[in-house]
C-alpha atoms as a PDB file:
ATOM      1  CA  MET A   1       0.191  -6.558  18.346  1.00  0.00           C
ATOM      2  CA  ALA A   2       2.371  -9.415  16.418  1.00  0.00           C
ATOM      3  CA  GLN A   3       6.005  -8.999  15.735  1.00  0.00           C
ATOM      4  CA  LEU A   4       5.959  -6.949  12.871  1.00  0.00           C
ATOM      5  CA  PRO A   5       8.485  -7.160   9.919  1.00  0.00           C
ATOM      6  CA  PRO A   6      10.810  -4.236  10.031  1.00  0.00           C
ATOM      7  CA  LEU A   7       9.903  -1.037   7.889  1.00  0.00           C
ATOM      8  CA  PRO A   8      11.541  -0.132   4.747  1.00  0.00           C
ATOM      9  CA  GLU A   9      13.566   2.701   5.359  1.00  0.00           C
ATOM     10  CA  ASN A  10      13.483   3.940   1.870  1.00  0.00           C
ATOM     11  CA  PHE A  11       9.587   3.684   1.080  1.00  0.00           C
ATOM     12  CA  THR A  12       7.044   6.435   1.715  1.00  0.00           C
ATOM     13  CA  TYR A  13       4.024   5.871   3.677  1.00  0.00           C
ATOM     14  CA  SER A  14       0.303   7.362   4.156  1.00  0.00           C
ATOM     15  CA  ALA A  15      -1.432   8.131   7.523  1.00  0.00           C
ATOM     16  CA  GLU A  16      -3.829   5.398   6.027  1.00  0.00           C
ATOM     17  CA  HIS A  17      -1.256   2.800   6.247  1.00  0.00           C
ATOM     18  CA  GLU A  18      -0.340   2.358   2.372  1.00  0.00           C
ATOM     19  CA  TRP A  19       3.136   2.386   1.269  1.00  0.00           C
ATOM     20  CA  VAL A  20       5.089   3.682  -1.994  1.00  0.00           C
ATOM     21  CA  ASP A  21       8.740   1.769  -2.704  1.00  0.00           C
ATOM     22  CA  GLY A  22      10.673   5.026  -3.004  1.00  0.00           C
ATOM     23  CA  PRO A  23      11.605   8.361  -1.282  1.00  0.00           C
ATOM     24  CA  ALA A  24       8.515  10.984  -1.782  1.00  0.00           C
ATOM     25  CA  ASP A  25      11.024  13.571  -3.352  1.00  0.00           C
ATOM     26  CA  GLY A  26      11.942  11.161  -6.326  1.00  0.00           C
ATOM     27  CA  LEU A  27       8.316   9.768  -7.023  1.00  0.00           C
ATOM     28  CA  VAL A  28       6.881  12.186  -9.856  1.00  0.00           C
ATOM     29  CA  GLY A  29       7.507  10.742 -13.375  1.00  0.00           C
ATOM     30  CA  GLN A  30       8.507   7.071 -11.728  1.00  0.00           C
ATOM     31  CA  THR A  31       6.604   3.968 -11.710  1.00  0.00           C
ATOM     32  CA  VAL A  32       6.191   2.721  -8.351  1.00  0.00           C
ATOM     33  CA  LYS A  33       4.816  -0.267  -6.331  1.00  0.00           C
ATOM     34  CA  VAL A  34       1.727   0.435  -3.886  1.00  0.00           C
ATOM     35  CA  GLY A  35       1.091  -1.755  -1.038  1.00  0.00           C
ATOM     36  CA  ILE A  36      -0.497  -1.842   2.519  1.00  0.00           C
ATOM     37  CA  THR A  37       1.925  -1.782   5.623  1.00  0.00           C
ATOM     38  CA  ALA A  38       2.397  -4.586   7.970  1.00  0.00           C
ATOM     39  CA  VAL A  39       0.664  -2.353  10.627  1.00  0.00           C
ATOM     40  CA  ALA A  40      -2.794  -2.453   8.783  1.00  0.00           C
ATOM     41  CA  SER A  41      -2.180  -5.749   7.634  1.00  0.00           C
ATOM     42  CA  ASP A  42      -1.809  -6.997  11.309  1.00  0.00           C
ATOM     43  CA  ALA A  43      -4.742  -4.836  12.273  1.00  0.00           C
ATOM     44  CA  LEU A  44      -6.774  -6.516   9.691  1.00  0.00           C
ATOM     45  CA  GLY A  45      -6.318 -10.037  10.572  1.00  0.00           C
ATOM     46  CA  GLU A  46      -6.358 -12.376   7.940  1.00  0.00           C
ATOM     47  CA  VAL A  47      -6.665 -11.004   4.559  1.00  0.00           C
ATOM     48  CA  VAL A  48      -9.335 -13.114   2.285  1.00  0.00           C
ATOM     49  CA  TYR A  49      -9.982 -10.662  -0.622  1.00  0.00           C
ATOM     50  CA  VAL A  50      -8.662  -7.831  -2.165  1.00  0.00           C
ATOM     51  CA  ASP A  51     -10.234  -5.463  -4.970  1.00  0.00           C
ATOM     52  CA  LEU A  52      -7.946  -3.398  -6.791  1.00  0.00           C
ATOM     53  CA  PRO A  53      -8.242  -0.909  -9.581  1.00  0.00           C
ATOM     54  CA  GLY A  54      -7.422  -2.220 -13.094  1.00  0.00           C
ATOM     55  CA  VAL A  55      -4.761  -1.469 -15.350  1.00  0.00           C
ATOM     56  CA  GLY A  56      -5.434   2.097 -17.239  1.00  0.00           C
ATOM     57  CA  ASP A  57      -7.549   3.314 -14.323  1.00  0.00           C
ATOM     58  CA  SER A  58      -6.676   6.538 -12.679  1.00  0.00           C
ATOM     59  CA  VAL A  59      -5.834   6.803  -8.938  1.00  0.00           C
ATOM     60  CA  THR A  60      -5.961   9.823  -6.859  1.00  0.00           C
ATOM     61  CA  ALA A  61      -3.873  10.817  -3.817  1.00  0.00           C
ATOM     62  CA  GLY A  62      -5.722  10.615  -0.676  1.00  0.00           C
ATOM     63  CA  GLU A  63      -8.910   9.081  -2.483  1.00  0.00           C
ATOM     64  CA  THR A  64     -10.338   5.533  -2.207  1.00  0.00           C
ATOM     65  CA  CYS A  65      -8.833   3.133  -4.888  1.00  0.00           C
ATOM     66  CA  GLY A  66      -9.783  -0.400  -3.616  1.00  0.00           C
ATOM     67  CA  GLU A  67     -10.577  -2.678  -0.765  1.00  0.00           C
ATOM     68  CA  VAL A  68      -9.021  -5.326   1.633  1.00  0.00           C
ATOM     69  CA  GLU A  69     -11.367  -7.710   3.045  1.00  0.00           C
ATOM     70  CA  SER A  70     -10.260  -9.861   5.981  1.00  0.00           C
ATOM     71  CA  THR A  71     -11.919 -12.400   8.420  1.00  0.00           C
ATOM     72  CA  LYS A  72     -12.519  -9.233  10.742  1.00  0.00           C
ATOM     73  CA  SER A  73     -13.747  -6.410   8.290  1.00  0.00           C
ATOM     74  CA  VAL A  74     -13.563  -4.955   5.088  1.00  0.00           C
ATOM     75  CA  SER A  75     -11.340  -1.774   4.788  1.00  0.00           C
ATOM     76  CA  ASP A  76     -11.083   1.082   1.922  1.00  0.00           C
ATOM     77  CA  LEU A  77      -7.735   1.287   0.054  1.00  0.00           C
ATOM     78  CA  TYR A  78      -6.497   4.808  -0.211  1.00  0.00           C
ATOM     79  CA  SER A  79      -3.815   5.940  -2.926  1.00  0.00           C
ATOM     80  CA  PRO A  80      -0.805   7.842  -1.700  1.00  0.00           C
ATOM     81  CA  VAL A  81      -0.188   8.999  -5.131  1.00  0.00           C
ATOM     82  CA  SER A  82      -2.131  10.157  -8.415  1.00  0.00           C
ATOM     83  CA  GLY A  83      -1.215   8.345 -11.647  1.00  0.00           C
ATOM     84  CA  GLU A  84      -2.134   5.514 -13.895  1.00  0.00           C
ATOM     85  CA  VAL A  85      -2.385   2.026 -12.624  1.00  0.00           C
ATOM     86  CA  VAL A  86      -0.121   0.285 -15.292  1.00  0.00           C
ATOM     87  CA  GLU A  87       0.263  -3.239 -13.571  1.00  0.00           C
ATOM     88  CA  VAL A  88      -1.995  -5.407 -10.649  1.00  0.00           C
ATOM     89  CA  ASN A  89      -0.444  -7.923  -8.900  1.00  0.00           C
ATOM     90  CA  GLU A  90      -2.494 -10.928 -10.188  1.00  0.00           C
ATOM     91  CA  LEU A  91      -0.299 -12.894  -7.356  1.00  0.00           C
ATOM     92  CA  ALA A  92      -1.902 -10.942  -4.785  1.00  0.00           C
ATOM     93  CA  THR A  93      -5.526 -11.000  -5.872  1.00  0.00           C
ATOM     94  CA  ALA A  94      -5.000 -14.618  -6.080  1.00  0.00           C
ATOM     95  CA  ASN A  95      -3.423 -15.123  -2.945  1.00  0.00           C
ATOM     96  CA  PRO A  96      -4.562 -12.514  -0.706  1.00  0.00           C
ATOM     97  CA  GLY A  97      -2.251 -13.904   2.415  1.00  0.00           C
ATOM     98  CA  LEU A  98       0.411 -12.574   0.934  1.00  0.00           C
ATOM     99  CA  LEU A  99      -0.703  -9.037   2.382  1.00  0.00           C
ATOM    100  CA  ASN A 100      -0.133 -10.981   5.555  1.00  0.00           C
ATOM    101  CA  SER A 101       2.915 -12.646   4.891  1.00  0.00           C
ATOM    102  CA  ASP A 102       4.681 -10.461   2.881  1.00  0.00           C
ATOM    103  CA  PRO A 103       3.406  -6.957   3.008  1.00  0.00           C
ATOM    104  CA  TYR A 104       6.473  -5.422   1.441  1.00  0.00           C
ATOM    105  CA  GLY A 105       7.693  -7.870  -1.012  1.00  0.00           C
ATOM    106  CA  GLU A 106       5.211 -10.278  -2.901  1.00  0.00           C
ATOM    107  CA  GLY A 107       2.043  -8.624  -1.343  1.00  0.00           C
ATOM    108  CA  TRP A 108       2.407  -5.327  -3.326  1.00  0.00           C
ATOM    109  CA  LEU A 109      -0.952  -4.441  -4.711  1.00  0.00           C
ATOM    110  CA  VAL A 110      -0.600  -2.071  -7.859  1.00  0.00           C
ATOM    111  CA  LYS A 111       2.112  -0.522  -9.974  1.00  0.00           C
ATOM    112  CA  VAL A 112       1.350   3.357 -10.658  1.00  0.00           C
ATOM    113  CA  ASN A 113       2.851   5.909 -13.032  1.00  0.00           C
ATOM    114  CA  VAL A 114       3.094   8.617 -10.575  1.00  0.00           C
ATOM    115  CA  THR A 115       1.945  12.066 -11.475  1.00  0.00           C
ATOM    116  CA  GLU A 116       1.518  13.828  -8.243  1.00  0.00           C
ATOM    117  CA  VAL A 117       2.220  12.708  -4.624  1.00  0.00           C
ATOM    118  CA  GLY A 118      -0.374  13.082  -1.757  1.00  0.00           C
ATOM    119  CA  GLU A 119       0.201  13.498   1.719  1.00  0.00           C
ATOM    120  CA  VAL A 120       3.108  11.076   2.894  1.00  0.00           C
ATOM    121  CA  MET A 121       5.972  10.559   5.383  1.00  0.00           C
ATOM    122  CA  ASP A 122       9.163   8.472   5.541  1.00  0.00           C
ATOM    123  CA  ALA A 123       9.845   5.520   7.515  1.00  0.00           C
ATOM    124  CA  ALA A 124      11.184   7.614  10.817  1.00  0.00           C
ATOM    125  CA  ALA A 125       7.738   9.482  11.005  1.00  0.00           C
ATOM    126  CA  TYR A 126       5.233   6.733   9.906  1.00  0.00           C
ATOM    127  CA  ALA A 127       7.139   4.527  12.836  1.00  0.00           C
ATOM    128  CA  GLU A 128       6.473   7.387  15.397  1.00  0.00           C
ATOM    129  CA  ALA A 129       3.010   8.033  14.183  1.00  0.00           C
ATOM    130  CA  ASN A 130       2.211   4.293  15.029  1.00  0.00           C
ATOM    131  CA  SER A 131       4.472   3.820  18.223  1.00  0.00           C
ATOM    132  CA  LEU A 132       6.608   1.422  16.234  1.00  0.00           C
END
């Protein structure tokens, strides 16, 4: 495993390796960024294509909302929250390698107006679950 960037402590994480930029208890009613973790991008290898929902689409916590394709495989994206997509990161769709080089920054995927939070964990629980 490569040296991974540190997990942002104030983010919320799903078991499927997606993140939300905020603590779980304050997400409903907020607009948040969603992305994949460095654990996921490291396991995928070089990301070459991202298929994301469009602006105005609804996403449901725990359900698929897109795909990430790498030189190794294609993996489903699972939304950690329910809500409406209000922005898609065009920079990440044009340059999917950002998911590898900056997964917690420029490599975010979508912004969602949150109506419900799925099964998520804090950084400490995610780190423990993934032996980080």
